[in-house]
Amino acid sequence: MIQFTEKLRLEIDRALLDIDRREADVLKKAKEVTFLLENAFDRLRTFILDYEFKDEGEEILFFKEIKPNLFSNLIYYSKVYDIEINRPTGGGTEVKDYLEKELYRIKDFFDRNKTIYCYYRSGDTEKDRLFFLRGKSDSTIYRESFSFERDPKFSTCCDYKMAKIIANEKVEAFIAGQLESQGGPSDKAVPKAKLTWTIKKVFLIELIYLLYWAGAFNYGKATLKEIAVYFEKVFNIDLGTSLSRTLTDIRARKGSGSFLNLLDRIFIKKINENEE
């Protein structure tokens, strides 16, 4: 299962990067990406319907992390397309009001789904069996879904909600950027040139953990998830897999294989070269 989903994720990442490079129009990009992701998700569904999970842990991993992270991209680009296709053609004030209403809808979603949102933000695992195993249900969780999410063999009571939470965080960042652009140019504006993280993903995750532990953002009040989402946006990457599971891998290879040690060796080498 891991091999198939990771291969699919890498394929999606490459396709998204290609679309991003050649298509500047947000509306056209969102439409093309949505089509791409719908096809990819159909492939994922076909695979899972024929797959037997090894144990409950693997099933929880899929419905709590793998599927929501993949599916969140489809929800995100579908929403971006919807925002852009309905964007007012009037002046700046009209557009600003429209975007602020979209932000309010996202806040309302988080408020209505506070139980699962707090569970997602906290990184808790206590209710994993209830939320992310098929055949379970929780009447406290409001259910809404795409049509193919009604298949009990391919959904749990909360995996869609998790995907929508992840997607809405990205939509929130997108709208915030659009609102900033409505205010005119600024010295603090994000450069138009997009930087893409192209070395190992685990290195970026290691860096995120180090900065989180060091309290580098918002005087140490930024959560690990907030930092990760921000880095995904800035460096054009989907971190996808669970941060906690990746941390276990990092611990297993601690020492010379860590990103920090690699940077230290590069730094010392370059300093010595400059001195010579």
Protein backbone atom coordinates (compact mmCIF):
# COMPACT_ATOMS: atom_id res chain seq x y z
CA MET A 1 0.00 0.00 0.00
CA ILE A 2 2.77 2.43 0.98
CA GLN A 3 4.65 1.72 -2.25
CA PHE A 4 1.57 2.39 -4.42
CA THR A 5 0.49 5.56 -2.62
CA GLU A 6 4.01 7.01 -2.51
CA LYS A 7 4.45 6.35 -6.25
CA LEU A 8 1.09 8.02 -6.91
CA ARG A 9 2.02 11.00 -4.73
CA LEU A 10 5.34 11.48 -6.55
CA GLU A 11 3.54 11.28 -9.89
CA ILE A 12 1.06 13.95 -8.73
CA ASP A 13 3.88 16.17 -7.41
CA ARG A 14 5.68 16.08 -10.76
CA ALA A 15 2.46 16.79 -12.70
CA LEU A 16 1.57 19.69 -10.39
CA LEU A 17 5.03 21.17 -10.80
CA ASP A 18 4.78 20.90 -14.59
CA ILE A 19 1.35 22.58 -14.64
CA ASP A 20 2.58 25.31 -12.31
CA ARG A 21 5.55 26.05 -14.58
CA ARG A 22 3.63 26.35 -17.84
CA GLU A 23 0.29 27.79 -16.72
CA ALA A 24 0.15 31.24 -15.09
CA ASP A 25 -3.61 31.74 -15.17
CA VAL A 26 -5.04 30.66 -11.79
CA LEU A 27 -8.42 29.64 -13.21
CA LYS A 28 -6.97 27.50 -16.01
CA LYS A 29 -4.43 25.98 -13.62
CA ALA A 30 -7.11 25.05 -11.08
CA LYS A 31 -9.27 23.45 -13.77
CA GLU A 32 -6.40 21.39 -15.19
CA VAL A 33 -5.17 20.30 -11.76
CA THR A 34 -8.68 19.31 -10.66
CA PHE A 35 -9.02 17.04 -13.70
CA LEU A 36 -5.60 15.50 -12.99
CA LEU A 37 -6.40 14.87 -9.31
CA GLU A 38 -9.83 13.39 -10.00
CA ASN A 39 -8.21 10.78 -12.26
CA ALA A 40 -5.49 10.07 -9.70
CA PHE A 41 -8.05 9.68 -6.94
CA ASP A 42 -10.10 7.24 -9.02
CA ARG A 43 -6.94 5.13 -9.34
CA LEU A 44 -6.40 5.28 -5.59
CA ARG A 45 -9.98 4.19 -4.93
CA THR A 46 -9.70 1.26 -7.36
CA PHE A 47 -6.49 0.12 -5.65
CA ILE A 48 -7.89 0.32 -2.11
CA LEU A 49 -11.11 -1.51 -2.97
CA ASP A 50 -8.98 -4.50 -4.04
CA TYR A 51 -6.47 -4.17 -1.20
CA GLU A 52 -6.59 -5.85 2.21
CA PHE A 53 -4.94 -3.84 4.97
CA LYS A 54 -2.36 -5.76 7.02
CA ASP A 55 -3.80 -4.55 10.32
CA GLU A 56 -5.77 -1.73 11.94
CA GLY A 57 -2.65 0.41 12.17
CA GLU A 58 -2.17 0.41 8.40
CA GLU A 59 -5.86 1.16 7.82
CA ILE A 60 -5.73 4.09 10.26
CA LEU A 61 -2.54 5.37 8.59
CA PHE A 62 -4.28 5.38 5.21
CA PHE A 63 -7.54 7.05 6.29
CA LYS A 64 -5.97 9.49 8.77
CA GLU A 65 -2.91 10.62 6.82
CA ILE A 66 -2.35 9.25 3.32
CA LYS A 67 -5.81 9.67 1.82
CA PRO A 68 -6.62 13.06 3.44
CA ASN A 69 -3.30 14.56 2.34
CA LEU A 70 -3.81 13.38 -1.25
CA PHE A 71 -7.51 14.28 -1.32
CA SER A 72 -6.94 17.72 0.22
CA ASN A 73 -5.27 18.82 -3.03
CA LEU A 74 -8.40 17.97 -5.00
CA ILE A 75 -10.61 19.86 -2.55
CA TYR A 76 -8.21 22.82 -2.53
CA TYR A 77 -7.99 23.25 -6.31
CA SER A 78 -11.74 22.69 -6.70
CA LYS A 79 -12.33 25.49 -4.21
CA VAL A 80 -9.78 27.79 -5.87
CA TYR A 81 -11.54 27.22 -9.20
CA ASP A 82 -14.88 28.02 -7.57
CA ILE A 83 -13.48 31.22 -5.99
CA GLU A 84 -11.95 32.40 -9.26
CA ILE A 85 -14.92 31.57 -11.50
CA ASN A 86 -17.26 33.52 -9.18
CA ARG A 87 -14.88 36.42 -8.48
CA PRO A 88 -16.65 39.79 -9.07
CA THR A 89 -15.56 41.79 -12.08
CA GLY A 90 -16.03 45.08 -10.28
CA GLY A 91 -13.60 47.28 -8.40
CA GLY A 92 -11.24 46.55 -5.55
CA THR A 93 -13.77 47.03 -2.73
CA GLU A 94 -16.20 44.54 -4.27
CA VAL A 95 -13.47 41.92 -4.71
CA LYS A 96 -12.18 42.53 -1.18
CA ASP A 97 -15.66 42.01 0.30
CA TYR A 98 -16.08 38.84 -1.75
CA LEU A 99 -12.78 37.36 -0.54
CA GLU A 100 -13.48 38.30 3.08
CA LYS A 101 -16.82 36.45 2.87
CA GLU A 102 -14.94 33.38 1.64
CA LEU A 103 -12.62 33.66 4.63
CA TYR A 104 -15.65 33.85 6.92
CA ARG A 105 -17.02 30.63 5.39
CA ILE A 106 -13.75 28.87 6.21
CA LYS A 107 -13.84 30.16 9.79
CA ASP A 108 -17.44 28.97 10.05
CA PHE A 109 -16.37 25.52 8.83
CA PHE A 110 -13.66 25.31 11.50
CA ASP A 111 -16.14 26.46 14.16
CA ARG A 112 -18.74 23.88 13.11
CA ASN A 113 -16.14 21.12 13.11
CA LYS A 114 -14.27 22.08 16.25
CA THR A 115 -14.10 18.50 17.57
CA ILE A 116 -12.23 17.01 14.63
CA TYR A 117 -10.28 20.25 14.01
CA CYS A 118 -8.90 20.27 17.56
CA TYR A 119 -8.12 16.56 17.20
CA TYR A 120 -6.19 17.30 13.99
CA ARG A 121 -4.30 20.26 15.49
CA SER A 122 -3.36 18.40 18.67
CA GLY A 123 -1.93 15.34 16.91
CA ASP A 124 -3.99 13.14 19.27
CA THR A 125 -4.43 9.41 18.61
CA GLU A 126 -6.94 8.42 21.29
CA LYS A 127 -9.95 8.25 18.93
CA ASP A 128 -8.12 6.96 15.85
CA ARG A 129 -10.00 3.64 15.86
CA LEU A 130 -13.35 5.45 16.01
CA PHE A 131 -12.52 8.14 13.46
CA PHE A 132 -10.36 6.27 10.93
CA LEU A 133 -11.51 2.66 10.74
CA ARG A 134 -14.24 1.74 8.29
CA GLY A 135 -17.57 0.66 9.74
CA LYS A 136 -17.30 3.00 12.74
CA SER A 137 -19.43 6.08 13.24
CA ASP A 138 -19.68 9.10 15.51
CA SER A 139 -22.91 11.09 15.64
CA THR A 140 -21.02 14.18 16.87
CA ILE A 141 -19.22 14.51 13.54
CA TYR A 142 -21.14 16.38 10.84
CA ARG A 143 -20.80 14.49 7.56
CA GLU A 144 -20.53 16.00 4.09
CA SER A 145 -18.76 14.49 1.12
CA PHE A 146 -18.07 14.10 -2.55
CA SER A 147 -20.24 11.42 -4.20
CA PHE A 148 -17.53 8.74 -4.18
CA GLU A 149 -16.91 9.43 -0.49
CA ARG A 150 -20.18 7.70 0.36
CA ASP A 151 -18.61 4.30 -0.38
CA PRO A 152 -18.22 2.61 3.04
CA LYS A 153 -15.30 0.57 1.70
CA PHE A 154 -13.38 3.74 0.81
CA SER A 155 -14.32 6.08 3.63
CA THR A 156 -14.59 6.49 7.39
CA CYS A 157 -16.62 8.97 9.42
CA CYS A 158 -13.76 11.49 9.53
CA ASP A 159 -11.24 11.03 6.71
CA TYR A 160 -13.08 13.44 4.40
CA LYS A 161 -13.30 15.96 7.21
CA MET A 162 -9.55 15.70 7.77
CA ALA A 163 -8.94 16.28 4.05
CA LYS A 164 -11.20 19.32 4.06
CA ILE A 165 -9.45 20.78 7.12
CA ILE A 166 -6.06 20.46 5.38
CA ALA A 167 -7.51 21.92 2.17
CA ASN A 168 -9.19 24.83 3.95
CA GLU A 169 -5.93 25.80 5.61
CA LYS A 170 -4.42 26.06 2.13
CA VAL A 171 -7.46 27.95 0.79
CA GLU A 172 -7.18 30.34 3.73
CA ALA A 173 -3.56 31.07 2.79
CA PHE A 174 -4.56 31.52 -0.88
CA ILE A 175 -7.29 34.02 0.00
CA ALA A 176 -4.97 35.88 2.39
CA GLY A 177 -2.51 36.30 -0.50
CA GLN A 178 -5.28 37.55 -2.76
CA LEU A 179 -6.40 40.06 -0.14
CA GLU A 180 -2.84 41.30 0.28
CA SER A 181 -2.60 41.88 -3.46
CA GLN A 182 -5.77 43.99 -3.28
CA GLY A 183 -3.94 46.40 -1.01
CA GLY A 184 -1.39 47.22 -3.71
CA PRO A 185 2.36 46.61 -3.81
CA SER A 186 4.24 46.37 -0.55
CA ASP A 187 7.86 46.08 0.53
CA LYS A 188 6.77 42.93 2.35
CA ALA A 189 5.18 41.35 -0.71
CA VAL A 190 6.17 37.76 -1.46
CA PRO A 191 8.57 37.60 -4.44
CA LYS A 192 6.90 36.44 -7.65
CA ALA A 193 9.64 33.90 -8.34
CA LYS A 194 8.54 30.62 -6.74
CA LEU A 195 11.15 28.45 -5.04
CA THR A 196 10.60 24.69 -5.03
CA TRP A 197 12.23 22.38 -2.49
CA THR A 198 14.02 19.78 -4.65
CA ILE A 199 16.20 17.78 -2.26
CA LYS A 200 14.93 15.07 0.09
CA LYS A 201 11.56 15.82 1.68
CA VAL A 202 12.72 14.32 4.98
CA PHE A 203 15.40 17.04 5.18
CA LEU A 204 12.73 19.75 5.12
CA ILE A 205 10.71 17.92 7.77
CA GLU A 206 13.84 17.69 9.94
CA LEU A 207 14.39 21.44 9.50
CA ILE A 208 10.76 22.15 10.44
CA TYR A 209 11.13 20.15 13.65
CA LEU A 210 14.35 21.98 14.56
CA LEU A 211 12.75 25.40 14.02
CA TYR A 212 9.64 24.34 15.96
CA TRP A 213 11.68 23.07 18.92
CA ALA A 214 13.78 26.25 18.84
CA GLY A 215 10.61 28.38 19.06
CA ALA A 216 11.67 30.27 15.94
CA PHE A 217 8.19 31.49 14.90
CA ASN A 218 5.65 33.73 16.68
CA TYR A 219 7.78 33.72 19.84
CA GLY A 220 7.50 29.95 20.07
CA LYS A 221 3.68 29.92 19.87
CA ALA A 222 3.38 28.60 16.28
CA THR A 223 2.30 24.95 16.17
CA LEU A 224 4.21 22.28 14.29
CA LYS A 225 1.30 21.92 11.85
CA GLU A 226 1.17 25.68 11.17
CA ILE A 227 4.89 25.76 10.39
CA ALA A 228 4.60 22.71 8.12
CA VAL A 229 1.66 24.20 6.16
CA TYR A 230 3.57 27.48 5.76
CA PHE A 231 6.66 25.71 4.42
CA GLU A 232 4.50 23.71 2.00
CA LYS A 233 3.11 26.97 0.63
CA VAL A 234 6.44 28.79 0.42
CA PHE A 235 8.49 25.95 -1.04
CA ASN A 236 5.81 24.50 -3.35
CA ILE A 237 5.85 21.02 -1.80
CA ASP A 238 3.33 18.58 -0.34
CA LEU A 239 4.89 17.05 2.77
CA GLY A 240 2.17 14.43 2.63
CA THR A 241 3.20 11.74 5.07
CA SER A 242 2.81 12.03 8.83
CA LEU A 243 5.36 14.30 10.49
CA SER A 244 5.42 12.09 13.57
CA ARG A 245 6.08 8.98 11.49
CA THR A 246 8.89 10.78 9.65
CA LEU A 247 10.36 11.83 13.00
CA THR A 248 10.62 8.15 13.91
CA ASP A 249 12.62 7.59 10.71
CA ILE A 250 14.84 10.59 11.52
CA ARG A 251 15.58 9.18 14.96
CA ALA A 252 16.47 5.84 13.42
CA ARG A 253 19.14 7.43 11.22
CA LYS A 254 20.39 10.07 13.71
CA GLY A 255 24.04 11.04 13.43
CA SER A 256 25.88 11.49 10.16
CA GLY A 257 22.70 11.05 8.11
CA SER A 258 20.90 14.07 9.58
CA PHE A 259 20.28 17.22 7.58
CA LEU A 260 21.80 19.34 10.35
CA ASN A 261 25.09 17.45 10.13
CA LEU A 262 25.04 17.69 6.34
CA LEU A 263 24.59 21.48 6.52
CA ASP A 264 27.34 21.71 9.13
CA ARG A 265 29.78 19.83 6.88
CA ILE A 266 28.89 22.01 3.88
CA PHE A 267 29.26 25.17 5.99
CA ILE A 268 32.70 24.18 7.31
CA LYS A 269 33.86 23.17 3.82
CA LYS A 270 32.77 26.49 2.28
CA ILE A 271 34.28 28.52 5.12
CA ASN A 272 37.60 26.72 4.68
CA GLU A 273 37.51 27.25 0.91
CA ASN A 274 36.93 30.99 1.37
CA GLU A 275 39.80 31.23 3.85
CA GLU A 276 42.12 29.54 1.32
